[in-house]
Amino acid sequence: MGKSKMNKSAARRIQSHADKTGKNQGFKSRAMRAADKNKK
């Protein structure tokens, strides 16, 4: 599988999973920032 850029739906999926599991809390903000950056 090739690398793809972070998008809003992927960031939301990551954030939702992190909230459910209580893990990867620091990654949530990085994912959202990357999605915003890639949108431009």
PDB file of N, CA and C in Angstrom:
ATOM      1  N   MET A   1       0.851  -1.174   0.000  1.00  0.00           N
ATOM      2  CA  MET A   1       0.000   0.000   0.000  1.00  0.00           C
ATOM      3  C   MET A   1       0.894   1.234   0.000  1.00  0.00           C
ATOM      4  N   GLY A   2       0.584   2.184  -0.894  1.00  0.00           N
ATOM      5  CA  GLY A   2       1.372   3.408  -0.975  1.00  0.00           C
ATOM      6  C   GLY A   2       0.993   4.394   0.107  1.00  0.00           C
ATOM      7  N   LYS A   3       1.862   5.342   0.296  1.00  0.00           N
ATOM      8  CA  LYS A   3       1.567   6.371   1.296  1.00  0.00           C
ATOM      9  C   LYS A   3       0.529   7.334   0.743  1.00  0.00           C
ATOM     10  N   SER A   4      -0.402   7.695   1.576  1.00  0.00           N
ATOM     11  CA  SER A   4      -1.365   8.713   1.180  1.00  0.00           C
ATOM     12  C   SER A   4      -1.358   9.802   2.241  1.00  0.00           C
ATOM     13  N   LYS A   5      -1.741  10.986   1.824  1.00  0.00           N
ATOM     14  CA  LYS A   5      -1.727  12.112   2.752  1.00  0.00           C
ATOM     15  C   LYS A   5      -2.916  12.029   3.698  1.00  0.00           C
ATOM     16  N   MET A   6      -2.726  12.585   4.864  1.00  0.00           N
ATOM     17  CA  MET A   6      -3.786  12.642   5.863  1.00  0.00           C
ATOM     18  C   MET A   6      -4.895  13.547   5.353  1.00  0.00           C
ATOM     19  N   ASN A   7      -6.132  13.088   5.478  1.00  0.00           N
ATOM     20  CA  ASN A   7      -7.265  13.939   5.121  1.00  0.00           C
ATOM     21  C   ASN A   7      -8.190  14.046   6.327  1.00  0.00           C
ATOM     22  N   LYS A   8      -9.208  14.872   6.191  1.00  0.00           N
ATOM     23  CA  LYS A   8     -10.095  15.147   7.333  1.00  0.00           C
ATOM     24  C   LYS A   8     -10.804  13.887   7.826  1.00  0.00           C
ATOM     25  N   SER A   9     -11.261  13.035   6.919  1.00  0.00           N
ATOM     26  CA  SER A   9     -11.999  11.851   7.356  1.00  0.00           C
ATOM     27  C   SER A   9     -11.079  10.879   8.100  1.00  0.00           C
ATOM     28  N   ALA A  10      -9.845  10.745   7.639  1.00  0.00           N
ATOM     29  CA  ALA A  10      -8.893   9.879   8.328  1.00  0.00           C
ATOM     30  C   ALA A  10      -8.563  10.451   9.708  1.00  0.00           C
ATOM     31  N   ALA A  11      -8.402  11.757   9.779  1.00  0.00           N
ATOM     32  CA  ALA A  11      -8.101  12.398  11.060  1.00  0.00           C
ATOM     33  C   ALA A  11      -9.253  12.216  12.045  1.00  0.00           C
ATOM     34  N   ARG A  12     -10.494  12.337  11.545  1.00  0.00           N
ATOM     35  CA  ARG A  12     -11.657  12.126  12.424  1.00  0.00           C
ATOM     36  C   ARG A  12     -11.724  10.682  12.909  1.00  0.00           C
ATOM     37  N   ARG A  13     -11.405   9.749  12.020  1.00  0.00           N
ATOM     38  CA  ARG A  13     -11.405   8.324  12.393  1.00  0.00           C
ATOM     39  C   ARG A  13     -10.366   8.057  13.480  1.00  0.00           C
ATOM     40  N   ILE A  14      -9.184   8.627  13.317  1.00  0.00           N
ATOM     41  CA  ILE A  14      -8.117   8.461  14.310  1.00  0.00           C
ATOM     42  C   ILE A  14      -8.530   9.077  15.637  1.00  0.00           C
ATOM     43  N   GLN A  15      -9.123  10.260  15.573  1.00  0.00           N
ATOM     44  CA  GLN A  15      -9.532  10.953  16.793  1.00  0.00           C
ATOM     45  C   GLN A  15     -10.608  10.161  17.525  1.00  0.00           C
ATOM     46  N   SER A  16     -11.551   9.619  16.796  1.00  0.00           N
ATOM     47  CA  SER A  16     -12.622   8.835  17.397  1.00  0.00           C
ATOM     48  C   SER A  16     -12.062   7.586  18.075  1.00  0.00           C
ATOM     49  N   HIS A  17     -11.158   6.904  17.390  1.00  0.00           N
ATOM     50  CA  HIS A  17     -10.573   5.695  17.957  1.00  0.00           C
ATOM     51  C   HIS A  17      -9.751   6.017  19.202  1.00  0.00           C
ATOM     52  N   ALA A  18      -9.001   7.107  19.148  1.00  0.00           N
ATOM     53  CA  ALA A  18      -8.191   7.509  20.300  1.00  0.00           C
ATOM     54  C   ALA A  18      -9.082   7.832  21.498  1.00  0.00           C
ATOM     55  N   ASP A  19     -10.216   8.472  21.247  1.00  0.00           N
ATOM     56  CA  ASP A  19     -11.136   8.792  22.340  1.00  0.00           C
ATOM     57  C   ASP A  19     -11.736   7.522  22.952  1.00  0.00           C
ATOM     58  N   LYS A  20     -12.060   6.552  22.101  1.00  0.00           N
ATOM     59  CA  LYS A  20     -12.667   5.309  22.590  1.00  0.00           C
ATOM     60  C   LYS A  20     -11.681   4.484  23.411  1.00  0.00           C
ATOM     61  N   THR A  21     -10.425   4.438  22.956  1.00  0.00           N
ATOM     62  CA  THR A  21      -9.442   3.586  23.604  1.00  0.00           C
ATOM     63  C   THR A  21      -8.635   4.299  24.681  1.00  0.00           C
ATOM     64  N   GLY A  22      -8.595   5.641  24.634  1.00  0.00           N
ATOM     65  CA  GLY A  22      -7.797   6.394  25.589  1.00  0.00           C
ATOM     66  C   GLY A  22      -6.319   6.388  25.244  1.00  0.00           C
ATOM     67  N   LYS A  23      -5.986   5.900  24.051  1.00  0.00           N
ATOM     68  CA  LYS A  23      -4.589   5.848  23.626  1.00  0.00           C
ATOM     69  C   LYS A  23      -4.359   6.854  22.507  1.00  0.00           C
ATOM     70  N   ASN A  24      -3.089   7.133  22.237  1.00  0.00           N
ATOM     71  CA  ASN A  24      -2.690   8.029  21.144  1.00  0.00           C
ATOM     72  C   ASN A  24      -3.296   9.417  21.258  1.00  0.00           C
ATOM     73  N   GLN A  25      -3.406   9.938  22.456  1.00  0.00           N
ATOM     74  CA  GLN A  25      -4.007  11.256  22.643  1.00  0.00           C
ATOM     75  C   GLN A  25      -3.183  12.344  21.960  1.00  0.00           C
ATOM     76  N   GLY A  26      -1.873  12.213  21.972  1.00  0.00           N
ATOM     77  CA  GLY A  26      -1.020  13.215  21.344  1.00  0.00           C
ATOM     78  C   GLY A  26      -1.098  13.181  19.827  1.00  0.00           C
ATOM     79  N   PHE A  27      -1.447  12.033  19.279  1.00  0.00           N
ATOM     80  CA  PHE A  27      -1.501  11.895  17.833  1.00  0.00           C
ATOM     81  C   PHE A  27      -2.735  12.573  17.246  1.00  0.00           C
ATOM     82  N   LYS A  28      -3.764  12.751  18.054  1.00  0.00           N
ATOM     83  CA  LYS A  28      -4.998  13.361  17.558  1.00  0.00           C
ATOM     84  C   LYS A  28      -4.734  14.740  16.985  1.00  0.00           C
ATOM     85  N   SER A  29      -4.042  15.570  17.730  1.00  0.00           N
ATOM     86  CA  SER A  29      -3.797  16.931  17.254  1.00  0.00           C
ATOM     87  C   SER A  29      -2.861  16.934  16.056  1.00  0.00           C
ATOM     88  N   ARG A  30      -1.889  16.038  16.036  1.00  0.00           N
ATOM     89  CA  ARG A  30      -0.978  15.970  14.894  1.00  0.00           C
ATOM     90  C   ARG A  30      -1.725  15.547  13.639  1.00  0.00           C
ATOM     91  N   ALA A  31      -2.665  14.626  13.779  1.00  0.00           N
ATOM     92  CA  ALA A  31      -3.445  14.162  12.630  1.00  0.00           C
ATOM     93  C   ALA A  31      -4.303  15.294  12.074  1.00  0.00           C
ATOM     94  N   MET A  32      -4.948  16.039  12.955  1.00  0.00           N
ATOM     95  CA  MET A  32      -5.789  17.147  12.503  1.00  0.00           C
ATOM     96  C   MET A  32      -4.949  18.237  11.839  1.00  0.00           C
ATOM     97  N   ARG A  33      -3.785  18.523  12.407  1.00  0.00           N
ATOM     98  CA  ARG A  33      -2.891  19.530  11.829  1.00  0.00           C
ATOM     99  C   ARG A  33      -2.426  19.093  10.440  1.00  0.00           C
ATOM    100  N   ALA A  34      -2.087  17.822  10.301  1.00  0.00           N
ATOM    101  CA  ALA A  34      -1.629  17.313   9.009  1.00  0.00           C
ATOM    102  C   ALA A  34      -2.747  17.381   7.976  1.00  0.00           C
ATOM    103  N   ALA A  35      -3.963  17.059   8.388  1.00  0.00           N
ATOM    104  CA  ALA A  35      -5.103  17.130   7.464  1.00  0.00           C
ATOM    105  C   ALA A  35      -5.323  18.565   7.005  1.00  0.00           C
ATOM    106  N   ASP A  36      -5.236  19.513   7.921  1.00  0.00           N
ATOM    107  CA  ASP A  36      -5.400  20.915   7.556  1.00  0.00           C
ATOM    108  C   ASP A  36      -4.292  21.369   6.596  1.00  0.00           C
ATOM    109  N   LYS A  37      -3.080  20.934   6.871  1.00  0.00           N
ATOM    110  CA  LYS A  37      -1.949  21.309   6.039  1.00  0.00           C
ATOM    111  C   LYS A  37      -2.090  20.716   4.631  1.00  0.00           C
ATOM    112  N   ASN A  38      -2.544  19.475   4.540  1.00  0.00           N
ATOM    113  CA  ASN A  38      -2.655  18.812   3.247  1.00  0.00           C
ATOM    114  C   ASN A  38      -3.831  19.328   2.432  1.00  0.00           C
ATOM    115  N   LYS A  39      -4.785  19.963   3.087  1.00  0.00           N
ATOM    116  CA  LYS A  39      -5.944  20.496   2.391  1.00  0.00           C
ATOM    117  C   LYS A  39      -5.566  21.691   1.522  1.00  0.00           C
ATOM    118  N   LYS A  40      -4.528  22.407   1.909  1.00  0.00           N
ATOM    119  CA  LYS A  40      -4.121  23.629   1.207  1.00  0.00           C
ATOM    120  C   LYS A  40      -3.441  23.315  -0.111  1.00  0.00           C
TER     121      LYS A  40
END
